[in-house]
Protein backbone atom coordinates (compact mmCIF):
# COMPACT_ATOMS: atom_id res chain seq x y z
CA MET A 1 104.99 74.70 100.87
CA ASN A 2 101.68 75.12 102.57
CA LEU A 3 100.65 78.17 104.49
CA PRO A 4 97.60 78.42 106.70
CA ALA A 5 94.49 78.57 104.38
CA ASP A 6 93.30 81.76 106.02
CA ASP A 7 96.79 83.66 105.57
CA GLN A 8 95.72 85.84 102.65
CA LEU A 9 96.80 89.04 101.54
CA THR A 10 93.97 91.78 101.90
CA ILE A 11 93.87 95.10 100.20
CA ALA A 12 91.07 97.38 100.34
CA GLY A 13 88.81 94.52 101.18
CA ARG A 14 90.00 92.28 98.31
CA THR A 15 91.97 89.15 99.10
CA PHE A 16 94.73 87.45 97.19
CA ARG A 17 96.45 84.14 97.87
CA SER A 18 99.84 85.15 96.59
CA ARG A 19 101.99 87.82 98.43
CA LEU A 20 104.18 88.27 95.30
CA MET A 21 103.32 91.05 93.04
CA VAL A 22 105.17 91.42 89.59
CA GLY A 23 105.88 94.03 87.08
CA THR A 24 105.64 93.77 83.24
CA GLY A 25 108.54 95.87 82.08
CA LYS A 26 112.12 94.99 80.75
CA TYR A 27 111.32 91.46 79.30
CA ASP A 28 112.96 90.53 76.10
CA THR A 29 109.56 89.58 74.61
CA PHE A 30 105.80 89.54 75.60
CA GLU A 31 105.85 85.69 75.49
CA GLN A 32 108.70 85.60 77.92
CA MET A 33 106.80 87.93 80.39
CA ARG A 34 103.75 85.85 79.98
CA ALA A 35 105.64 82.59 80.81
CA ALA A 36 107.26 84.30 83.88
CA LEU A 37 103.92 85.59 85.17
CA ASP A 38 102.70 81.87 84.80
CA VAL A 39 105.34 80.35 87.04
CA SER A 40 105.33 83.13 89.51
CA GLU A 41 101.78 82.46 90.54
CA ALA A 42 101.36 86.04 91.20
CA GLU A 43 97.85 87.53 91.08
CA ILE A 44 98.55 91.19 91.00
CA VAL A 45 100.35 92.45 87.96
CA THR A 46 101.44 96.04 87.46
CA VAL A 47 101.19 97.90 84.00
CA ALA A 48 102.76 101.23 83.20
CA VAL A 49 99.80 103.09 81.84
CA ARG A 50 102.18 105.55 79.88
CA ARG A 51 103.65 102.60 78.08
CA VAL A 52 100.81 100.58 76.83
CA ASN A 53 98.33 100.93 73.99
CA LEU A 54 95.10 101.10 76.09
CA ASP A 55 92.59 100.26 73.28
CA GLN A 56 94.68 97.22 72.28
CA THR A 57 94.15 97.76 68.70
CA GLU A 58 97.77 97.03 68.07
CA GLU A 59 100.33 94.84 69.59
CA SER A 60 100.30 95.48 73.42
CA LEU A 61 101.38 93.62 76.44
CA LEU A 62 97.84 93.79 77.63
CA ASN A 63 97.14 91.06 75.04
CA TYR A 64 99.50 88.87 76.89
CA ILE A 65 97.82 89.24 80.33
CA ASP A 66 94.89 86.96 81.05
CA ARG A 67 92.64 89.30 82.87
CA THR A 68 90.59 86.50 84.29
CA ARG A 69 93.54 85.14 86.04
CA TYR A 70 95.52 88.35 86.92
CA PHE A 71 94.43 91.55 88.67
CA ILE A 72 95.88 94.48 86.64
CA LEU A 73 97.16 97.29 88.81
CA PRO A 74 98.00 100.30 86.55
CA ASN A 75 100.90 102.39 87.71
CA THR A 76 102.00 105.88 87.00
CA ALA A 77 105.60 105.22 85.98
CA GLY A 78 107.09 107.95 84.02
CA CYS A 79 105.27 110.71 85.90
CA GLN A 80 107.40 113.52 87.41
CA THR A 81 104.61 115.69 89.14
CA ALA A 82 101.48 114.99 91.11
CA ALA A 83 99.47 116.61 88.25
CA GLU A 84 100.89 114.11 85.67
CA ALA A 85 100.24 111.14 87.93
CA VAL A 86 96.72 112.10 88.66
CA ARG A 87 96.02 112.76 84.97
CA THR A 88 97.53 109.20 84.20
CA ALA A 89 95.42 107.42 86.80
CA ARG A 90 92.30 109.10 85.49
CA LEU A 91 93.11 107.83 82.07
CA ALA A 92 93.49 104.31 83.23
CA ARG A 93 90.21 104.48 84.96
CA ALA A 94 88.57 105.95 81.89
CA ALA A 95 90.01 103.18 79.78
CA GLY A 96 88.42 100.52 82.06
CA LEU A 97 91.62 99.29 83.60
CA SER A 98 90.89 99.89 87.23
CA ASN A 99 90.24 102.48 89.82
CA TRP A 100 93.22 101.00 91.64
CA VAL A 101 96.53 102.77 91.02
CA LYS A 102 100.06 102.06 91.99
CA LEU A 103 101.29 105.68 92.48
CA GLU A 104 104.78 106.62 91.36
CA VAL A 105 105.86 110.23 91.11
CA ILE A 106 109.64 110.40 90.44
CA PRO A 107 111.74 113.48 89.51
CA SER A 108 114.15 113.44 86.51
CA ASP A 109 117.20 113.68 88.71
CA GLY A 110 118.49 110.20 87.83
CA THR A 111 117.99 108.68 91.28
CA LEU A 112 114.54 107.09 90.68
CA LEU A 113 113.59 107.77 94.12
CA PRO A 114 109.99 108.91 94.78
CA ASP A 115 109.24 112.64 95.38
CA PRO A 116 107.49 112.55 98.74
CA ILE A 117 105.93 115.93 98.42
CA GLU A 118 104.43 115.35 94.95
CA THR A 119 103.49 111.83 96.10
CA LEU A 120 101.56 113.04 99.08
CA GLU A 121 99.72 115.61 96.86
CA ALA A 122 98.76 113.12 94.28
CA ALA A 123 97.67 110.48 96.83
CA LYS A 124 95.33 113.03 98.42
CA THR A 125 93.72 113.99 95.32
CA LEU A 126 93.29 110.45 94.05
CA VAL A 127 91.79 109.13 97.33
CA GLU A 128 89.31 112.09 97.41
CA GLU A 129 88.36 111.06 93.85
CA GLY A 130 87.69 107.40 94.85
CA PHE A 131 90.80 105.80 93.79
CA ILE A 132 92.46 102.86 95.57
CA VAL A 133 95.99 104.11 96.03
CA LEU A 134 99.07 102.06 96.47
CA PRO A 135 101.89 104.53 96.68
CA TYR A 136 105.54 103.92 96.03
CA THR A 137 107.38 105.82 98.58
CA THR A 138 110.54 106.25 100.54
CA ASP A 139 111.62 104.26 103.62
CA ASP A 140 110.87 107.31 105.85
CA HIS A 141 108.34 106.43 108.44
CA LEU A 142 106.85 109.86 108.81
CA VAL A 143 106.02 109.82 105.08
CA ALA A 144 104.49 106.51 105.47
CA LYS A 145 102.30 107.91 108.22
CA ARG A 146 101.06 110.86 106.19
CA LEU A 147 100.20 108.47 103.45
CA LEU A 148 98.39 106.20 105.91
CA ASP A 149 96.44 109.25 107.28
CA ILE A 150 95.38 110.27 103.76
CA GLY A 151 93.73 106.93 103.28
CA CYS A 152 96.19 104.97 101.04
CA ALA A 153 95.40 101.21 100.77
CA THR A 154 99.09 100.01 101.16
CA ILE A 155 102.43 101.68 102.13
CA MET A 156 105.06 100.67 99.55
CA PRO A 157 108.65 101.63 100.62
CA TYR A 158 111.58 100.84 98.57
CA GLY A 159 114.20 98.37 99.60
CA SER A 160 116.79 100.27 97.63
CA PRO A 161 116.60 102.37 94.40
CA ILE A 162 114.64 100.81 91.51
CA GLY A 163 116.51 98.50 89.28
CA THR A 164 119.76 98.35 91.40
CA GLY A 165 119.29 94.86 92.86
CA ARG A 166 120.95 96.02 95.87
CA GLY A 167 118.40 94.44 98.29
CA LEU A 168 117.23 96.00 101.65
CA LEU A 169 119.68 98.89 102.39
CA SER A 170 117.98 99.57 105.88
CA GLN A 171 116.21 96.93 107.62
CA ASP A 172 115.77 99.10 110.66
CA ARG A 173 113.87 101.76 108.61
CA LEU A 174 111.64 99.17 106.94
CA ARG A 175 110.97 97.59 110.19
CA ARG A 176 109.89 100.93 111.71
CA ILE A 177 107.40 101.39 108.95
CA ILE A 178 106.03 97.82 109.44
CA ASP A 179 105.73 98.53 113.15
CA LEU A 180 104.02 101.75 112.51
CA VAL A 181 101.46 100.40 110.18
CA ALA A 182 100.88 97.49 112.26
CA GLY A 183 98.15 95.58 110.44
CA ARG A 184 96.29 98.84 109.48
CA VAL A 185 97.19 98.28 105.75
CA PRO A 186 99.62 96.00 104.06
CA VAL A 187 103.30 97.03 103.78
CA VAL A 188 104.77 95.98 100.24
CA VAL A 189 108.46 96.31 99.82
CA ASP A 190 108.90 97.76 96.32
CA ALA A 191 112.01 98.16 94.40
CA GLY A 192 115.58 97.05 94.79
CA ILE A 193 115.02 93.49 95.37
CA GLY A 194 117.82 91.71 93.41
CA ALA A 195 117.86 88.03 94.68
CA PRO A 196 115.34 85.47 96.27
CA SER A 197 117.19 85.98 99.57
CA ASP A 198 116.28 89.80 99.55
CA ALA A 199 112.50 88.77 99.04
CA ALA A 200 112.70 86.15 101.80
CA LEU A 201 114.29 88.74 104.17
CA ALA A 202 111.57 91.37 103.43
CA MET A 203 108.86 88.91 104.30
CA GLU A 204 110.69 87.73 107.36
CA LEU A 205 110.94 91.28 108.58
CA GLY A 206 107.09 91.28 108.42
CA ALA A 207 106.31 92.82 105.07
CA ASP A 208 102.97 91.75 103.77
CA ALA A 209 104.15 91.48 100.21
CA VAL A 210 106.89 92.30 97.70
CA LEU A 211 106.70 93.70 94.20
CA ILE A 212 109.51 92.56 91.95
CA ASN A 213 110.06 93.50 88.21
CA THR A 214 113.70 93.94 87.11
CA ALA A 215 115.23 91.21 89.22
CA ILE A 216 113.00 88.62 87.38
CA ALA A 217 112.87 90.35 83.90
CA ARG A 218 116.56 90.85 83.50
CA ALA A 219 117.72 87.69 85.34
CA LYS A 220 119.73 85.32 82.97
CA GLN A 221 116.86 82.97 83.12
CA PRO A 222 113.71 85.08 83.84
CA ILE A 223 111.30 82.22 84.09
CA ASP A 224 113.50 80.24 86.59
CA MET A 225 114.00 83.42 88.60
CA ALA A 226 110.22 83.93 88.69
CA HIS A 227 109.88 80.52 90.15
CA ALA A 228 112.72 81.27 92.67
CA MET A 229 110.98 84.47 93.84
CA LYS A 230 107.80 82.77 94.38
CA LEU A 231 109.37 80.14 96.61
CA ALA A 232 111.44 82.78 98.44
CA VAL A 233 108.26 84.81 99.27
CA LEU A 234 106.61 81.69 100.54
CA ALA A 235 109.61 80.60 102.68
CA GLY A 236 109.95 84.10 104.11
CA ARG A 237 106.28 84.36 105.06
CA ALA A 238 106.48 80.94 106.70
CA GLY A 239 109.58 81.98 108.64
CA TYR A 240 107.90 85.15 109.87
CA LEU A 241 104.80 83.20 111.02
CA ALA A 242 106.90 80.57 112.66
CA GLY A 243 108.86 83.28 114.62
CA ARG A 244 112.65 83.44 114.59
CA ILE A 245 114.86 83.05 117.60
CA GLU A 246 115.96 86.09 119.39
CA LYS A 247 119.60 87.24 118.36
CA SER A 248 122.15 86.81 121.15
CA ASP A 249 125.66 88.44 121.67
CA ASN A 250 126.83 85.27 123.31
CA ALA A 251 127.05 81.68 121.82
CA GLN A 252 124.41 79.38 123.12
CA PRO A 253 124.83 75.54 123.31
CA SER A 254 122.27 73.70 121.38
CA SER A 255 122.95 70.49 123.60
CA PRO A 256 122.24 70.14 127.29
CA THR A 257 125.33 71.21 129.45
CA THR A 258 124.14 68.97 132.40
CA GLY A 259 124.20 65.19 132.74
CA LEU A 260 126.99 64.79 130.47
CA ILE A 261 129.01 61.45 130.36
CA GLY A 262 132.09 63.06 131.96
CA GLN A 263 130.14 64.53 134.85
CA ARG A 264 128.65 61.13 135.78
CA ILE A 265 132.11 59.44 136.24
């Protein structure tokens, strides 16, 4: 499937061909993770800073990621407060990973939903310190607007809670965020995608990219699912660019209703 050559994802002035971002957690083995990354053809790979050995002196997933091929996006998974997230981002930058950060601030209430207040606080501090901030957030358009005003490089609303695989629980709320952002920064649907159809739908709605981890890593055949997700993102993007028909409450004939044989007798 071929998309226009100039149809690229641009974040903070950097361009990427792929609109599929992938995570690196929950795979059975590092080898399986590496194979899934390969077939996904993703270019942005997220890595939880608090779960890797940054100096790589021991076995680490970083040893299985070709940094000449993939752009590593550190994330602050496991952080419950703004202070923890800021500290973790600083650690990743000091270790030479990146000054980009996927910001996650999730309280320990079992929902795995982002804390909007702590996320906004952390985002403000990190942007002021020169980080390129990609925040995981709710599907609330007012929170999205505040993150945009702070200077975040993307808006990353969830489709549904992390790891649930429930797909897009509210298309209307996601569409409202997409319309609000309207090309100012990319909208990346993050969390909850369970099947290729969910990824395609997110792209058809006008999302600029999707980030997927659990749906690939915990699939019965992760490598095959990575390939399927790649195709779904391409198909969804192509469908969005093509422009779908308007929905109608009434059936519409697909063939002409004039000049029929019976009408000419």
